[in-house]
PDB file of N, CA and C in Angstrom:
ATOM      1  N   MET A   1      50.311 -20.762 -48.289  1.00  0.00           N
ATOM      2  CA  MET A   1      51.321 -21.148 -49.406  1.00  0.00           C
ATOM      3  C   MET A   1      52.597 -21.022 -48.695  1.00  0.00           C
ATOM      4  N   ALA A   2      53.508 -22.021 -49.199  1.00  0.00           N
ATOM      5  CA  ALA A   2      55.023 -21.944 -48.454  1.00  0.00           C
ATOM      6  C   ALA A   2      55.925 -21.117 -49.430  1.00  0.00           C
ATOM      7  N   ALA A   3      57.129 -20.828 -48.932  1.00  0.00           N
ATOM      8  CA  ALA A   3      57.993 -20.241 -49.670  1.00  0.00           C
ATOM      9  C   ALA A   3      59.308 -20.865 -49.988  1.00  0.00           C
ATOM     10  N   GLU A   4      59.847 -20.758 -50.904  1.00  0.00           N
ATOM     11  CA  GLU A   4      61.285 -21.141 -51.043  1.00  0.00           C
ATOM     12  C   GLU A   4      62.302 -20.352 -51.070  1.00  0.00           C
ATOM     13  N   ILE A   5      63.312 -20.585 -50.479  1.00  0.00           N
ATOM     14  CA  ILE A   5      64.617 -19.521 -50.512  1.00  0.00           C
ATOM     15  C   ILE A   5      65.674 -20.407 -51.182  1.00  0.00           C
ATOM     16  N   VAL A   6      65.980 -19.514 -52.256  1.00  0.00           N
ATOM     17  CA  VAL A   6      67.099 -19.911 -53.481  1.00  0.00           C
ATOM     18  C   VAL A   6      68.284 -19.012 -53.056  1.00  0.00           C
ATOM     19  N   PHE A   7      69.373 -19.755 -52.637  1.00  0.00           N
ATOM     20  CA  PHE A   7      70.683 -18.992 -52.419  1.00  0.00           C
ATOM     21  C   PHE A   7      71.764 -18.953 -53.496  1.00  0.00           C
ATOM     22  N   SER A   8      72.426 -18.031 -53.740  1.00  0.00           N
ATOM     23  CA  SER A   8      73.182 -17.753 -54.802  1.00  0.00           C
ATOM     24  C   SER A   8      74.195 -18.924 -55.178  1.00  0.00           C
ATOM     25  N   GLY A   9      74.152 -19.804 -54.329  1.00  0.00           N
ATOM     26  CA  GLY A   9      74.997 -21.072 -54.748  1.00  0.00           C
ATOM     27  C   GLY A   9      74.140 -21.980 -55.385  1.00  0.00           C
ATOM     28  N   GLY A  10      72.788 -22.030 -55.301  1.00  0.00           N
ATOM     29  CA  GLY A  10      71.823 -22.784 -55.940  1.00  0.00           C
ATOM     30  C   GLY A  10      71.319 -23.869 -54.567  1.00  0.00           C
ATOM     31  N   GLU A  11      71.660 -23.755 -53.408  1.00  0.00           N
ATOM     32  CA  GLU A  11      70.880 -24.289 -52.265  1.00  0.00           C
ATOM     33  C   GLU A  11      69.478 -23.769 -52.449  1.00  0.00           C
ATOM     34  N   ARG A  12      68.717 -24.844 -51.751  1.00  0.00           N
ATOM     35  CA  ARG A  12      67.296 -24.314 -51.796  1.00  0.00           C
ATOM     36  C   ARG A  12      66.763 -25.035 -50.357  1.00  0.00           C
ATOM     37  N   VAL A  13      65.954 -24.058 -49.645  1.00  0.00           N
ATOM     38  CA  VAL A  13      65.207 -24.650 -48.400  1.00  0.00           C
ATOM     39  C   VAL A  13      63.671 -24.057 -48.427  1.00  0.00           C
ATOM     40  N   LEU A  14      63.068 -24.944 -48.028  1.00  0.00           N
ATOM     41  CA  LEU A  14      61.502 -24.856 -48.079  1.00  0.00           C
ATOM     42  C   LEU A  14      61.147 -24.291 -46.710  1.00  0.00           C
ATOM     43  N   VAL A  15      60.382 -23.211 -46.699  1.00  0.00           N
ATOM     44  CA  VAL A  15      59.813 -22.486 -45.360  1.00  0.00           C
ATOM     45  C   VAL A  15      58.338 -22.533 -45.558  1.00  0.00           C
ATOM     46  N   PRO A  16      57.646 -23.641 -44.722  1.00  0.00           N
ATOM     47  CA  PRO A  16      56.489 -23.827 -45.030  1.00  0.00           C
ATOM     48  C   PRO A  16      55.409 -23.091 -44.199  1.00  0.00           C
ATOM     49  N   SER A  17      55.940 -22.211 -43.299  1.00  0.00           N
ATOM     50  CA  SER A  17      54.968 -21.415 -42.439  1.00  0.00           C
ATOM     51  C   SER A  17      54.953 -20.048 -42.949  1.00  0.00           C
ATOM     52  N   ASN A  18      55.412 -19.632 -43.976  1.00  0.00           N
ATOM     53  CA  ASN A  18      55.528 -18.366 -44.827  1.00  0.00           C
ATOM     54  C   ASN A  18      55.778 -18.288 -46.050  1.00  0.00           C
ATOM     55  N   ASN A  19      54.803 -17.251 -46.843  1.00  0.00           N
ATOM     56  CA  ASN A  19      54.772 -17.192 -48.335  1.00  0.00           C
ATOM     57  C   ASN A  19      56.159 -16.240 -48.465  1.00  0.00           C
ATOM     58  N   ALA A  20      56.371 -16.021 -49.775  1.00  0.00           N
ATOM     59  CA  ALA A  20      57.507 -15.230 -50.204  1.00  0.00           C
ATOM     60  C   ALA A  20      57.456 -13.846 -49.732  1.00  0.00           C
ATOM     61  N   ASP A  21      56.232 -13.150 -49.782  1.00  0.00           N
ATOM     62  CA  ASP A  21      56.068 -11.638 -49.265  1.00  0.00           C
ATOM     63  C   ASP A  21      56.624 -11.629 -47.567  1.00  0.00           C
ATOM     64  N   GLN A  22      56.191 -12.958 -47.134  1.00  0.00           N
ATOM     65  CA  GLN A  22      56.573 -12.715 -45.472  1.00  0.00           C
ATOM     66  C   GLN A  22      57.844 -13.004 -45.275  1.00  0.00           C
ATOM     67  N   VAL A  23      58.618 -13.822 -45.807  1.00  0.00           N
ATOM     68  CA  VAL A  23      60.027 -13.970 -45.951  1.00  0.00           C
ATOM     69  C   VAL A  23      60.845 -12.727 -46.394  1.00  0.00           C
ATOM     70  N   MET A  24      60.431 -12.179 -47.205  1.00  0.00           N
ATOM     71  CA  MET A  24      61.063 -10.873 -47.730  1.00  0.00           C
ATOM     72  C   MET A  24      61.044  -9.635 -46.939  1.00  0.00           C
ATOM     73  N   ALA A  25      59.836  -9.748 -46.188  1.00  0.00           N
ATOM     74  CA  ALA A  25      59.473  -8.525 -44.961  1.00  0.00           C
ATOM     75  C   ALA A  25      60.489  -8.840 -43.876  1.00  0.00           C
ATOM     76  N   ARG A  26      60.661 -10.055 -43.637  1.00  0.00           N
ATOM     77  CA  ARG A  26      61.584 -10.374 -42.453  1.00  0.00           C
ATOM     78  C   ARG A  26      62.987 -10.144 -43.016  1.00  0.00           C
ATOM     79  N   MET A  27      63.424 -10.540 -44.294  1.00  0.00           N
ATOM     80  CA  MET A  27      64.837 -10.334 -44.287  1.00  0.00           C
ATOM     81  C   MET A  27      65.009  -8.794 -44.530  1.00  0.00           C
ATOM     82  N   THR A  28      63.968  -7.896 -44.806  1.00  0.00           N
ATOM     83  CA  THR A  28      64.270  -6.420 -44.857  1.00  0.00           C
ATOM     84  C   THR A  28      64.298  -5.792 -43.394  1.00  0.00           C
ATOM     85  N   THR A  29      63.409  -6.353 -42.490  1.00  0.00           N
ATOM     86  CA  THR A  29      63.246  -5.596 -41.231  1.00  0.00           C
ATOM     87  C   THR A  29      64.361  -6.422 -40.286  1.00  0.00           C
ATOM     88  N   GLU A  30      64.405  -7.618 -40.315  1.00  0.00           N
ATOM     89  CA  GLU A  30      65.362  -8.353 -39.268  1.00  0.00           C
ATOM     90  C   GLU A  30      66.940  -8.354 -39.738  1.00  0.00           C
ATOM     91  N   GLY A  31      67.070  -8.474 -40.787  1.00  0.00           N
ATOM     92  CA  GLY A  31      68.452  -8.526 -41.488  1.00  0.00           C
ATOM     93  C   GLY A  31      69.563  -7.642 -40.901  1.00  0.00           C
ATOM     94  N   SER A  32      69.175  -6.508 -40.535  1.00  0.00           N
ATOM     95  CA  SER A  32      70.159  -5.808 -40.054  1.00  0.00           C
ATOM     96  C   SER A  32      69.898  -5.449 -38.382  1.00  0.00           C
ATOM     97  N   LEU A  33      69.020  -6.259 -37.907  1.00  0.00           N
ATOM     98  CA  LEU A  33      69.131  -6.378 -36.378  1.00  0.00           C
ATOM     99  C   LEU A  33      69.649  -7.224 -35.580  1.00  0.00           C
ATOM    100  N   ASP A  34      70.022  -7.051 -34.457  1.00  0.00           N
ATOM    101  CA  ASP A  34      70.340  -8.252 -33.480  1.00  0.00           C
ATOM    102  C   ASP A  34      69.057  -8.719 -32.803  1.00  0.00           C
ATOM    103  N   HIS A  35      68.671  -9.704 -33.075  1.00  0.00           N
ATOM    104  CA  HIS A  35      67.505  -9.915 -32.351  1.00  0.00           C
ATOM    105  C   HIS A  35      67.517 -11.360 -31.784  1.00  0.00           C
ATOM    106  N   GLN A  36      66.535 -12.060 -31.099  1.00  0.00           N
ATOM    107  CA  GLN A  36      66.368 -13.044 -30.359  1.00  0.00           C
ATOM    108  C   GLN A  36      65.535 -14.309 -31.560  1.00  0.00           C
ATOM    109  N   ALA A  37      66.211 -15.420 -31.602  1.00  0.00           N
ATOM    110  CA  ALA A  37      65.687 -16.491 -32.378  1.00  0.00           C
ATOM    111  C   ALA A  37      64.325 -17.047 -31.769  1.00  0.00           C
ATOM    112  N   MET A  38      63.610 -17.819 -32.388  1.00  0.00           N
ATOM    113  CA  MET A  38      62.480 -18.483 -31.996  1.00  0.00           C
ATOM    114  C   MET A  38      62.824 -19.412 -30.726  1.00  0.00           C
ATOM    115  N   GLY A  39      63.898 -20.174 -30.649  1.00  0.00           N
ATOM    116  CA  GLY A  39      64.271 -21.003 -29.578  1.00  0.00           C
ATOM    117  C   GLY A  39      64.920 -20.073 -28.334  1.00  0.00           C
ATOM    118  N   GLY A  40      65.322 -18.864 -28.514  1.00  0.00           N
ATOM    119  CA  GLY A  40      65.694 -18.048 -27.577  1.00  0.00           C
ATOM    120  C   GLY A  40      67.045 -17.824 -27.523  1.00  0.00           C
ATOM    121  N   ALA A  41      67.930 -18.359 -28.629  1.00  0.00           N
ATOM    122  CA  ALA A  41      69.130 -17.920 -28.802  1.00  0.00           C
ATOM    123  C   ALA A  41      69.284 -16.451 -29.320  1.00  0.00           C
ATOM    124  N   ARG A  42      70.476 -15.732 -29.188  1.00  0.00           N
ATOM    125  CA  ARG A  42      70.742 -14.309 -29.717  1.00  0.00           C
ATOM    126  C   ARG A  42      71.062 -14.684 -31.163  1.00  0.00           C
ATOM    127  N   VAL A  43      70.535 -14.106 -32.447  1.00  0.00           N
ATOM    128  CA  VAL A  43      70.982 -13.909 -33.681  1.00  0.00           C
ATOM    129  C   VAL A  43      71.795 -12.829 -33.932  1.00  0.00           C
ATOM    130  N   ARG A  44      73.185 -13.104 -34.338  1.00  0.00           N
ATOM    131  CA  ARG A  44      73.885 -11.992 -34.845  1.00  0.00           C
ATOM    132  C   ARG A  44      73.668 -11.189 -35.805  1.00  0.00           C
ATOM    133  N   PRO A  45      73.694  -9.897 -35.872  1.00  0.00           N
ATOM    134  CA  PRO A  45      73.215  -8.889 -36.749  1.00  0.00           C
ATOM    135  C   PRO A  45      73.505  -9.546 -38.249  1.00  0.00           C
ATOM    136  N   GLY A  46      72.695  -9.400 -39.384  1.00  0.00           N
ATOM    137  CA  GLY A  46      72.798  -9.786 -40.686  1.00  0.00           C
ATOM    138  C   GLY A  46      72.243 -11.494 -40.980  1.00  0.00           C
ATOM    139  N   PHE A  47      71.973 -12.005 -39.767  1.00  0.00           N
ATOM    140  CA  PHE A  47      71.304 -13.439 -39.961  1.00  0.00           C
ATOM    141  C   PHE A  47      70.125 -13.442 -39.452  1.00  0.00           C
ATOM    142  N   ILE A  48      69.200 -14.217 -40.200  1.00  0.00           N
ATOM    143  CA  ILE A  48      67.672 -14.236 -39.794  1.00  0.00           C
ATOM    144  C   ILE A  48      67.481 -15.853 -39.635  1.00  0.00           C
ATOM    145  N   ASP A  49      66.654 -16.194 -38.608  1.00  0.00           N
ATOM    146  CA  ASP A  49      66.209 -17.864 -38.377  1.00  0.00           C
ATOM    147  C   ASP A  49      65.212 -18.092 -39.125  1.00  0.00           C
ATOM    148  N   PHE A  50      64.939 -19.138 -39.785  1.00  0.00           N
ATOM    149  CA  PHE A  50      63.464 -19.488 -40.454  1.00  0.00           C
ATOM    150  C   PHE A  50      63.419 -21.164 -39.977  1.00  0.00           C
ATOM    151  N   GLU A  51      61.971 -21.390 -39.601  1.00  0.00           N
ATOM    152  CA  GLU A  51      61.869 -22.778 -39.460  1.00  0.00           C
ATOM    153  C   GLU A  51      61.624 -23.419 -41.150  1.00  0.00           C
ATOM    154  N   SER A  52      62.318 -24.471 -41.445  1.00  0.00           N
ATOM    155  CA  SER A  52      62.292 -24.736 -42.760  1.00  0.00           C
ATOM    156  C   SER A  52      62.312 -26.317 -42.721  1.00  0.00           C
ATOM    157  N   ASP A  53      62.064 -26.958 -43.914  1.00  0.00           N
ATOM    158  CA  ASP A  53      62.143 -28.317 -44.059  1.00  0.00           C
ATOM    159  C   ASP A  53      63.346 -29.197 -43.654  1.00  0.00           C
ATOM    160  N   ARG A  54      64.188 -28.456 -43.338  1.00  0.00           N
ATOM    161  CA  ARG A  54      65.359 -28.916 -42.785  1.00  0.00           C
ATOM    162  C   ARG A  54      65.602 -28.669 -41.424  1.00  0.00           C
ATOM    163  N   GLY A  55      64.613 -28.072 -40.587  1.00  0.00           N
ATOM    164  CA  GLY A  55      64.912 -27.817 -39.205  1.00  0.00           C
ATOM    165  C   GLY A  55      65.013 -25.946 -39.285  1.00  0.00           C
ATOM    166  N   THR A  56      65.667 -25.548 -38.183  1.00  0.00           N
ATOM    167  CA  THR A  56      66.007 -24.139 -38.231  1.00  0.00           C
ATOM    168  C   THR A  56      66.993 -23.897 -38.864  1.00  0.00           C
ATOM    169  N   VAL A  57      66.993 -22.745 -39.954  1.00  0.00           N
ATOM    170  CA  VAL A  57      68.146 -22.542 -40.636  1.00  0.00           C
ATOM    171  C   VAL A  57      68.397 -20.816 -40.302  1.00  0.00           C
ATOM    172  N   TYR A  58      69.850 -20.492 -40.359  1.00  0.00           N
ATOM    173  CA  TYR A  58      70.247 -19.139 -40.180  1.00  0.00           C
ATOM    174  C   TYR A  58      70.561 -18.814 -41.393  1.00  0.00           C
ATOM    175  N   ILE A  59      69.956 -17.776 -42.116  1.00  0.00           N
ATOM    176  CA  ILE A  59      70.539 -17.349 -43.610  1.00  0.00           C
ATOM    177  C   ILE A  59      71.080 -15.681 -43.478  1.00  0.00           C
ATOM    178  N   ARG A  60      71.830 -15.391 -44.238  1.00  0.00           N
ATOM    179  CA  ARG A  60      72.212 -13.914 -44.565  1.00  0.00           C
ATOM    180  C   ARG A  60      71.394 -13.638 -45.878  1.00  0.00           C
ATOM    181  N   PRO A  61      70.680 -12.489 -45.802  1.00  0.00           N
ATOM    182  CA  PRO A  61      70.004 -12.080 -46.932  1.00  0.00           C
ATOM    183  C   PRO A  61      70.884 -12.051 -47.997  1.00  0.00           C
ATOM    184  N   ASP A  62      72.102 -11.253 -47.674  1.00  0.00           N
ATOM    185  CA  ASP A  62      72.942 -11.069 -48.958  1.00  0.00           C
ATOM    186  C   ASP A  62      73.392 -12.319 -49.803  1.00  0.00           C
ATOM    187  N   GLN A  63      73.264 -13.582 -49.216  1.00  0.00           N
ATOM    188  CA  GLN A  63      73.292 -14.634 -50.054  1.00  0.00           C
ATOM    189  C   GLN A  63      72.071 -15.191 -50.782  1.00  0.00           C
ATOM    190  N   VAL A  64      70.950 -14.614 -50.709  1.00  0.00           N
ATOM    191  CA  VAL A  64      69.965 -15.032 -51.172  1.00  0.00           C
ATOM    192  C   VAL A  64      69.775 -14.570 -52.564  1.00  0.00           C
ATOM    193  N   ALA A  65      69.639 -15.669 -53.588  1.00  0.00           N
ATOM    194  CA  ALA A  65      69.213 -15.127 -54.988  1.00  0.00           C
ATOM    195  C   ALA A  65      67.943 -14.751 -55.344  1.00  0.00           C
ATOM    196  N   TYR A  66      67.165 -15.268 -54.797  1.00  0.00           N
ATOM    197  CA  TYR A  66      65.509 -15.328 -54.848  1.00  0.00           C
ATOM    198  C   TYR A  66      64.519 -16.177 -53.768  1.00  0.00           C
ATOM    199  N   VAL A  67      63.440 -15.328 -53.728  1.00  0.00           N
ATOM    200  CA  VAL A  67      62.541 -16.111 -52.887  1.00  0.00           C
ATOM    201  C   VAL A  67      61.254 -16.246 -53.582  1.00  0.00           C
ATOM    202  N   CYS A  68      60.496 -17.397 -53.789  1.00  0.00           N
ATOM    203  CA  CYS A  68      59.454 -17.670 -54.310  1.00  0.00           C
ATOM    204  C   CYS A  68      58.303 -18.254 -53.793  1.00  0.00           C
ATOM    205  N   ASP A  69      57.260 -18.380 -54.256  1.00  0.00           N
ATOM    206  CA  ASP A  69      55.831 -18.847 -53.388  1.00  0.00           C
ATOM    207  C   ASP A  69      55.915 -20.332 -54.203  1.00  0.00           C
ATOM    208  N   VAL A  70      55.698 -21.272 -53.083  1.00  0.00           N
ATOM    209  CA  VAL A  70      55.570 -22.780 -53.708  1.00  0.00           C
ATOM    210  C   VAL A  70      54.043 -23.268 -53.231  1.00  0.00           C
ATOM    211  N   PRO A  71      53.307 -23.681 -54.252  1.00  0.00           N
ATOM    212  CA  PRO A  71      51.786 -24.159 -53.811  1.00  0.00           C
ATOM    213  C   PRO A  71      52.083 -25.354 -52.861  1.00  0.00           C
ATOM    214  N   GLU A  72      51.065 -25.338 -51.860  1.00  0.00           N
ATOM    215  CA  GLU A  72      51.015 -26.227 -50.903  1.00  0.00           C
ATOM    216  C   GLU A  72      51.183 -27.781 -51.292  1.00  0.00           C
ATOM    217  N   ALA A  73      50.345 -27.808 -52.679  1.00  0.00           N
ATOM    218  CA  ALA A  73      50.822 -29.328 -53.049  1.00  0.00           C
ATOM    219  C   ALA A  73      52.312 -29.809 -53.608  1.00  0.00           C
ATOM    220  N   LEU A  74      53.100 -28.974 -53.582  1.00  0.00           N
ATOM    221  CA  LEU A  74      54.420 -29.082 -53.941  1.00  0.00           C
ATOM    222  C   LEU A  74      55.364 -29.140 -52.729  1.00  0.00           C
ATOM    223  N   GLY A  75      54.910 -28.068 -51.885  1.00  0.00           N
ATOM    224  CA  GLY A  75      55.654 -27.845 -50.549  1.00  0.00           C
ATOM    225  C   GLY A  75      55.726 -29.160 -49.633  1.00  0.00           C
TER     226      GLY A  75
END
């Protein structure tokens, strides 16, 4: 099952490799850490990188309105 991240401004991104629980867990644990992105670049504290339907996106959890599961057939 994929997840959809919906931002407070209404923008949406599909995260096909994670479900909503996995996305929320990453936002909780990595959101406050300085960490290395999947491509090797350093990610500033407060940002998290996700592989999405738009490529790699860097999000700030405080700008997310909600995260929900999306059935594979719709994703």
